[in-house]
Amino acid sequence: MHRLTFWNRAIDLLDALASLESGQCELTLPELLSTFAEAHHGLFEPETDFEAYVLVAIINKTSRVLAHTETEG
């Protein structure tokens, strides 16, 4: 995947989060995060694309925690 495409998608995620915050997004927070994480899972290695790897890992873990919290609640 082209790095610029990835970072543009990360910015799109930020925009979607802002829409969620303002009530203008149809998806839930876990759905937004899991969609992003799933689309980029395994595409980056920490040795070559550290920033992208970390961002995907953080979003993936946050998505899982939120999903787990929702099922317990």
PDB file of N, CA and C in Angstrom:
ATOM      1  N   MET A   1       0.854  -1.183   0.000  1.00  0.00           N
ATOM      2  CA  MET A   1       0.000   0.000   0.000  1.00  0.00           C
ATOM      3  C   MET A   1       0.892   1.237   0.000  1.00  0.00           C
ATOM      4  N   HIS A   2       0.503   2.177  -0.767  1.00  0.00           N
ATOM      5  CA  HIS A   2       1.236   3.431  -0.824  1.00  0.00           C
ATOM      6  C   HIS A   2       1.067   4.172   0.495  1.00  0.00           C
ATOM      7  N   ARG A   3       2.154   4.671   1.038  1.00  0.00           N
ATOM      8  CA  ARG A   3       2.113   5.332   2.347  1.00  0.00           C
ATOM      9  C   ARG A   3       1.194   6.550   2.360  1.00  0.00           C
ATOM     10  N   LEU A   4       1.196   7.318   1.286  1.00  0.00           N
ATOM     11  CA  LEU A   4       0.336   8.499   1.237  1.00  0.00           C
ATOM     12  C   LEU A   4      -1.135   8.100   1.307  1.00  0.00           C
ATOM     13  N   THR A   5      -1.490   7.014   0.656  1.00  0.00           N
ATOM     14  CA  THR A   5      -2.862   6.513   0.708  1.00  0.00           C
ATOM     15  C   THR A   5      -3.233   6.154   2.143  1.00  0.00           C
ATOM     16  N   PHE A   6      -2.347   5.473   2.840  1.00  0.00           N
ATOM     17  CA  PHE A   6      -2.605   5.110   4.227  1.00  0.00           C
ATOM     18  C   PHE A   6      -2.844   6.343   5.085  1.00  0.00           C
ATOM     19  N   TRP A   7      -1.969   7.323   4.970  1.00  0.00           N
ATOM     20  CA  TRP A   7      -2.105   8.516   5.810  1.00  0.00           C
ATOM     21  C   TRP A   7      -3.343   9.325   5.429  1.00  0.00           C
ATOM     22  N   ASN A   8      -3.718   9.321   4.177  1.00  0.00           N
ATOM     23  CA  ASN A   8      -4.978   9.964   3.781  1.00  0.00           C
ATOM     24  C   ASN A   8      -6.165   9.244   4.415  1.00  0.00           C
ATOM     25  N   ARG A   9      -6.103   7.929   4.476  1.00  0.00           N
ATOM     26  CA  ARG A   9      -7.169   7.165   5.134  1.00  0.00           C
ATOM     27  C   ARG A   9      -7.193   7.428   6.634  1.00  0.00           C
ATOM     28  N   ALA A  10      -6.033   7.645   7.224  1.00  0.00           N
ATOM     29  CA  ALA A  10      -5.977   7.992   8.648  1.00  0.00           C
ATOM     30  C   ALA A  10      -6.642   9.353   8.881  1.00  0.00           C
ATOM     31  N   ILE A  11      -6.422  10.285   7.984  1.00  0.00           N
ATOM     32  CA  ILE A  11      -7.070  11.597   8.089  1.00  0.00           C
ATOM     33  C   ILE A  11      -8.574  11.444   7.890  1.00  0.00           C
ATOM     34  N   ASP A  12      -8.971  10.569   6.964  1.00  0.00           N
ATOM     35  CA  ASP A  12     -10.407  10.295   6.783  1.00  0.00           C
ATOM     36  C   ASP A  12     -11.011   9.735   8.069  1.00  0.00           C
ATOM     37  N   LEU A  13     -10.259   8.908   8.773  1.00  0.00           N
ATOM     38  CA  LEU A  13     -10.736   8.379  10.046  1.00  0.00           C
ATOM     39  C   LEU A  13     -10.925   9.504  11.053  1.00  0.00           C
ATOM     40  N   LEU A  14     -10.008  10.429  11.092  1.00  0.00           N
ATOM     41  CA  LEU A  14     -10.162  11.582  11.981  1.00  0.00           C
ATOM     42  C   LEU A  14     -11.417  12.374  11.646  1.00  0.00           C
ATOM     43  N   ASP A  15     -11.666  12.568  10.382  1.00  0.00           N
ATOM     44  CA  ASP A  15     -12.884  13.273   9.959  1.00  0.00           C
ATOM     45  C   ASP A  15     -14.133  12.494  10.376  1.00  0.00           C
ATOM     46  N   ALA A  16     -14.085  11.167  10.222  1.00  0.00           N
ATOM     47  CA  ALA A  16     -15.225  10.339  10.618  1.00  0.00           C
ATOM     48  C   ALA A  16     -15.445  10.408  12.128  1.00  0.00           C
ATOM     49  N   LEU A  17     -14.368  10.463  12.889  1.00  0.00           N
ATOM     50  CA  LEU A  17     -14.494  10.592  14.343  1.00  0.00           C
ATOM     51  C   LEU A  17     -15.113  11.929  14.716  1.00  0.00           C
ATOM     52  N   ALA A  18     -14.759  12.972  13.994  1.00  0.00           N
ATOM     53  CA  ALA A  18     -15.365  14.283  14.242  1.00  0.00           C
ATOM     54  C   ALA A  18     -16.854  14.245  13.897  1.00  0.00           C
ATOM     55  N   SER A  19     -17.215  13.559  12.817  1.00  0.00           N
ATOM     56  CA  SER A  19     -18.622  13.411  12.455  1.00  0.00           C
ATOM     57  C   SER A  19     -19.378  12.622  13.508  1.00  0.00           C
ATOM     58  N   LEU A  20     -18.742  11.617  14.045  1.00  0.00           N
ATOM     59  CA  LEU A  20     -19.342  10.821  15.112  1.00  0.00           C
ATOM     60  C   LEU A  20     -19.614  11.686  16.334  1.00  0.00           C
ATOM     61  N   GLU A  21     -18.651  12.496  16.663  1.00  0.00           N
ATOM     62  CA  GLU A  21     -18.764  13.375  17.823  1.00  0.00           C
ATOM     63  C   GLU A  21     -19.910  14.375  17.662  1.00  0.00           C
ATOM     64  N   SER A  22     -20.135  14.818  16.434  1.00  0.00           N
ATOM     65  CA  SER A  22     -21.193  15.797  16.189  1.00  0.00           C
ATOM     66  C   SER A  22     -22.538  15.141  15.881  1.00  0.00           C
ATOM     67  N   GLY A  23     -22.574  13.799  15.908  1.00  0.00           N
ATOM     68  CA  GLY A  23     -23.819  13.086  15.660  1.00  0.00           C
ATOM     69  C   GLY A  23     -24.171  12.915  14.199  1.00  0.00           C
ATOM     70  N   GLN A  24     -23.224  13.139  13.308  1.00  0.00           N
ATOM     71  CA  GLN A  24     -23.488  13.071  11.874  1.00  0.00           C
ATOM     72  C   GLN A  24     -22.957  11.799  11.216  1.00  0.00           C
ATOM     73  N   CYS A  25     -22.582  10.825  12.020  1.00  0.00           N
ATOM     74  CA  CYS A  25     -22.029   9.583  11.475  1.00  0.00           C
ATOM     75  C   CYS A  25     -22.966   8.433  11.812  1.00  0.00           C
ATOM     76  N   GLU A  26     -23.194   7.568  10.834  1.00  0.00           N
ATOM     77  CA  GLU A  26     -24.094   6.440  11.031  1.00  0.00           C
ATOM     78  C   GLU A  26     -23.426   5.267  11.732  1.00  0.00           C
ATOM     79  N   LEU A  27     -22.109   5.215  11.730  1.00  0.00           N
ATOM     80  CA  LEU A  27     -21.383   4.117  12.357  1.00  0.00           C
ATOM     81  C   LEU A  27     -21.080   4.427  13.818  1.00  0.00           C
ATOM     82  N   THR A  28     -20.809   3.397  14.580  1.00  0.00           N
ATOM     83  CA  THR A  28     -20.400   3.569  15.972  1.00  0.00           C
ATOM     84  C   THR A  28     -18.880   3.688  16.036  1.00  0.00           C
ATOM     85  N   LEU A  29     -18.386   4.107  17.165  1.00  0.00           N
ATOM     86  CA  LEU A  29     -16.940   4.216  17.342  1.00  0.00           C
ATOM     87  C   LEU A  29     -16.244   2.872  17.117  1.00  0.00           C
ATOM     88  N   PRO A  30     -16.705   1.786  17.737  1.00  0.00           N
ATOM     89  CA  PRO A  30     -16.040   0.502  17.470  1.00  0.00           C
ATOM     90  C   PRO A  30     -16.071   0.107  15.997  1.00  0.00           C
ATOM     91  N   GLU A  31     -17.165   0.409  15.300  1.00  0.00           N
ATOM     92  CA  GLU A  31     -17.250   0.089  13.876  1.00  0.00           C
ATOM     93  C   GLU A  31     -16.239   0.887  13.056  1.00  0.00           C
ATOM     94  N   LEU A  32     -16.121   2.167  13.345  1.00  0.00           N
ATOM     95  CA  LEU A  32     -15.142   3.000  12.635  1.00  0.00           C
ATOM     96  C   LEU A  32     -13.730   2.482  12.841  1.00  0.00           C
ATOM     97  N   LEU A  33     -13.399   2.206  14.091  1.00  0.00           N
ATOM     98  CA  LEU A  33     -12.044   1.765  14.405  1.00  0.00           C
ATOM     99  C   LEU A  33     -11.740   0.387  13.841  1.00  0.00           C
ATOM    100  N   SER A  34     -12.686  -0.536  13.983  1.00  0.00           N
ATOM    101  CA  SER A  34     -12.422  -1.891  13.486  1.00  0.00           C
ATOM    102  C   SER A  34     -12.317  -1.919  11.963  1.00  0.00           C
ATOM    103  N   THR A  35     -13.110  -1.107  11.294  1.00  0.00           N
ATOM    104  CA  THR A  35     -13.029  -1.039   9.835  1.00  0.00           C
ATOM    105  C   THR A  35     -11.645  -0.581   9.391  1.00  0.00           C
ATOM    106  N   PHE A  36     -11.141   0.460  10.050  1.00  0.00           N
ATOM    107  CA  PHE A  36      -9.804   0.958   9.716  1.00  0.00           C
ATOM    108  C   PHE A  36      -8.745  -0.098  10.036  1.00  0.00           C
ATOM    109  N   ALA A  37      -8.823  -0.679  11.224  1.00  0.00           N
ATOM    110  CA  ALA A  37      -7.821  -1.656  11.651  1.00  0.00           C
ATOM    111  C   ALA A  37      -7.813  -2.885  10.742  1.00  0.00           C
ATOM    112  N   GLU A  38      -8.983  -3.380  10.397  1.00  0.00           N
ATOM    113  CA  GLU A  38      -9.069  -4.560   9.537  1.00  0.00           C
ATOM    114  C   GLU A  38      -8.521  -4.288   8.140  1.00  0.00           C
ATOM    115  N   ALA A  39      -8.762  -3.099   7.633  1.00  0.00           N
ATOM    116  CA  ALA A  39      -8.286  -2.756   6.289  1.00  0.00           C
ATOM    117  C   ALA A  39      -6.770  -2.680   6.216  1.00  0.00           C
ATOM    118  N   HIS A  40      -6.121  -2.433   7.352  1.00  0.00           N
ATOM    119  CA  HIS A  40      -4.673  -2.226   7.339  1.00  0.00           C
ATOM    120  C   HIS A  40      -3.896  -3.254   8.160  1.00  0.00           C
ATOM    121  N   HIS A  41      -4.599  -4.248   8.698  1.00  0.00           N
ATOM    122  CA  HIS A  41      -3.961  -5.272   9.524  1.00  0.00           C
ATOM    123  C   HIS A  41      -2.896  -6.029   8.730  1.00  0.00           C
ATOM    124  N   GLY A  42      -1.716  -6.105   9.285  1.00  0.00           N
ATOM    125  CA  GLY A  42      -0.639  -6.872   8.681  1.00  0.00           C
ATOM    126  C   GLY A  42       0.060  -6.236   7.499  1.00  0.00           C
ATOM    127  N   LEU A  43      -0.283  -5.015   7.165  1.00  0.00           N
ATOM    128  CA  LEU A  43       0.333  -4.372   5.999  1.00  0.00           C
ATOM    129  C   LEU A  43       1.660  -3.696   6.320  1.00  0.00           C
ATOM    130  N   PHE A  44       1.919  -3.447   7.597  1.00  0.00           N
ATOM    131  CA  PHE A  44       3.111  -2.687   7.969  1.00  0.00           C
ATOM    132  C   PHE A  44       3.968  -3.467   8.954  1.00  0.00           C
ATOM    133  N   GLU A  45       5.258  -3.332   8.801  1.00  0.00           N
ATOM    134  CA  GLU A  45       6.227  -3.955   9.699  1.00  0.00           C
ATOM    135  C   GLU A  45       6.868  -2.865  10.549  1.00  0.00           C
ATOM    136  N   PRO A  46       7.103  -3.154  11.825  1.00  0.00           N
ATOM    137  CA  PRO A  46       7.675  -2.124  12.689  1.00  0.00           C
ATOM    138  C   PRO A  46       9.068  -1.671  12.256  1.00  0.00           C
ATOM    139  N   GLU A  47       9.785  -2.533  11.571  1.00  0.00           N
ATOM    140  CA  GLU A  47      11.145  -2.175  11.139  1.00  0.00           C
ATOM    141  C   GLU A  47      11.159  -1.157  10.009  1.00  0.00           C
ATOM    142  N   THR A  48      10.112  -1.174   9.171  1.00  0.00           N
ATOM    143  CA  THR A  48      10.131  -0.319   7.984  1.00  0.00           C
ATOM    144  C   THR A  48       9.104   0.804   8.004  1.00  0.00           C
ATOM    145  N   ASP A  49       7.988   0.584   8.679  1.00  0.00           N
ATOM    146  CA  ASP A  49       6.916   1.585   8.733  1.00  0.00           C
ATOM    147  C   ASP A  49       6.413   1.720  10.168  1.00  0.00           C
ATOM    148  N   PHE A  50       7.302   2.120  11.045  1.00  0.00           N
ATOM    149  CA  PHE A  50       7.015   2.112  12.473  1.00  0.00           C
ATOM    150  C   PHE A  50       5.768   2.906  12.840  1.00  0.00           C
ATOM    151  N   GLU A  51       5.648   4.129  12.339  1.00  0.00           N
ATOM    152  CA  GLU A  51       4.514   4.983  12.706  1.00  0.00           C
ATOM    153  C   GLU A  51       3.186   4.364  12.278  1.00  0.00           C
ATOM    154  N   ALA A  52       3.127   3.887  11.054  1.00  0.00           N
ATOM    155  CA  ALA A  52       1.896   3.266  10.559  1.00  0.00           C
ATOM    156  C   ALA A  52       1.595   1.989  11.332  1.00  0.00           C
ATOM    157  N   TYR A  53       2.614   1.194  11.611  1.00  0.00           N
ATOM    158  CA  TYR A  53       2.438  -0.035  12.380  1.00  0.00           C
ATOM    159  C   TYR A  53       1.851   0.260  13.754  1.00  0.00           C
ATOM    160  N   VAL A  54       2.400   1.256  14.432  1.00  0.00           N
ATOM    161  CA  VAL A  54       1.919   1.607  15.768  1.00  0.00           C
ATOM    162  C   VAL A  54       0.489   2.142  15.705  1.00  0.00           C
ATOM    163  N   LEU A  55       0.191   2.999  14.755  1.00  0.00           N
ATOM    164  CA  LEU A  55      -1.161   3.544  14.650  1.00  0.00           C
ATOM    165  C   LEU A  55      -2.181   2.432  14.437  1.00  0.00           C
ATOM    166  N   VAL A  56      -1.905   1.511  13.532  1.00  0.00           N
ATOM    167  CA  VAL A  56      -2.821   0.403  13.281  1.00  0.00           C
ATOM    168  C   VAL A  56      -2.965  -0.466  14.532  1.00  0.00           C
ATOM    169  N   ALA A  57      -1.862  -0.722  15.219  1.00  0.00           N
ATOM    170  CA  ALA A  57      -1.912  -1.540  16.428  1.00  0.00           C
ATOM    171  C   ALA A  57      -2.743  -0.871  17.526  1.00  0.00           C
ATOM    172  N   ILE A  58      -2.578   0.427  17.714  1.00  0.00           N
ATOM    173  CA  ILE A  58      -3.351   1.161  18.728  1.00  0.00           C
ATOM    174  C   ILE A  58      -4.839   1.142  18.383  1.00  0.00           C
ATOM    175  N   ILE A  59      -5.161   1.413  17.140  1.00  0.00           N
ATOM    176  CA  ILE A  59      -6.559   1.429  16.730  1.00  0.00           C
ATOM    177  C   ILE A  59      -7.173   0.034  16.855  1.00  0.00           C
ATOM    178  N   ASN A  60      -6.424  -0.991  16.476  1.00  0.00           N
ATOM    179  CA  ASN A  60      -6.908  -2.354  16.584  1.00  0.00           C
ATOM    180  C   ASN A  60      -7.192  -2.716  18.044  1.00  0.00           C
ATOM    181  N   LYS A  61      -6.274  -2.430  18.934  1.00  0.00           N
ATOM    182  CA  LYS A  61      -6.449  -2.764  20.346  1.00  0.00           C
ATOM    183  C   LYS A  61      -7.601  -1.967  20.957  1.00  0.00           C
ATOM    184  N   THR A  62      -7.699  -0.697  20.627  1.00  0.00           N
ATOM    185  CA  THR A  62      -8.792   0.137  21.135  1.00  0.00           C
ATOM    186  C   THR A  62     -10.127  -0.398  20.658  1.00  0.00           C
ATOM    187  N   SER A  63     -10.200  -0.794  19.408  1.00  0.00           N
ATOM    188  CA  SER A  63     -11.423  -1.361  18.852  1.00  0.00           C
ATOM    189  C   SER A  63     -11.828  -2.620  19.614  1.00  0.00           C
ATOM    190  N   ARG A  64     -10.873  -3.488  19.890  1.00  0.00           N
ATOM    191  CA  ARG A  64     -11.159  -4.721  20.627  1.00  0.00           C
ATOM    192  C   ARG A  64     -11.636  -4.439  22.047  1.00  0.00           C
ATOM    193  N   VAL A  65     -10.976  -3.504  22.712  1.00  0.00           N
ATOM    194  CA  VAL A  65     -11.364  -3.158  24.080  1.00  0.00           C
ATOM    195  C   VAL A  65     -12.787  -2.600  24.101  1.00  0.00           C
ATOM    196  N   LEU A  66     -13.093  -1.721  23.173  1.00  0.00           N
ATOM    197  CA  LEU A  66     -14.441  -1.151  23.102  1.00  0.00           C
ATOM    198  C   LEU A  66     -15.488  -2.219  22.811  1.00  0.00           C
ATOM    199  N   ALA A  67     -15.191  -3.113  21.900  1.00  0.00           N
ATOM    200  CA  ALA A  67     -16.126  -4.181  21.570  1.00  0.00           C
ATOM    201  C   ALA A  67     -16.340  -5.096  22.772  1.00  0.00           C
ATOM    202  N   HIS A  68     -15.277  -5.401  23.487  1.00  0.00           N
ATOM    203  CA  HIS A  68     -15.363  -6.246  24.674  1.00  0.00           C
ATOM    204  C   HIS A  68     -16.176  -5.542  25.770  1.00  0.00           C
ATOM    205  N   THR A  69     -15.958  -4.250  25.926  1.00  0.00           N
ATOM    206  CA  THR A  69     -16.685  -3.474  26.930  1.00  0.00           C
ATOM    207  C   THR A  69     -18.169  -3.428  26.605  1.00  0.00           C
ATOM    208  N   GLU A  70     -18.501  -3.283  25.325  1.00  0.00           N
ATOM    209  CA  GLU A  70     -19.913  -3.241  24.907  1.00  0.00           C
ATOM    210  C   GLU A  70     -20.620  -4.559  25.155  1.00  0.00           C
ATOM    211  N   THR A  71     -19.911  -5.677  24.962  1.00  0.00           N
ATOM    212  CA  THR A  71     -20.548  -6.975  25.170  1.00  0.00           C
ATOM    213  C   THR A  71     -20.737  -7.283  26.659  1.00  0.00           C
ATOM    214  N   GLU A  72     -19.911  -6.703  27.494  1.00  0.00           N
ATOM    215  CA  GLU A  72     -20.035  -6.911  28.939  1.00  0.00           C
ATOM    216  C   GLU A  72     -21.098  -6.012  29.560  1.00  0.00           C
ATOM    217  N   GLY A  73     -21.307  -4.840  28.949  1.00  0.00           N
ATOM    218  CA  GLY A  73     -22.190  -3.824  29.508  1.00  0.00           C
ATOM    219  C   GLY A  73     -23.601  -4.166  29.349  1.00  0.00           C
TER     220      GLY A  73
END
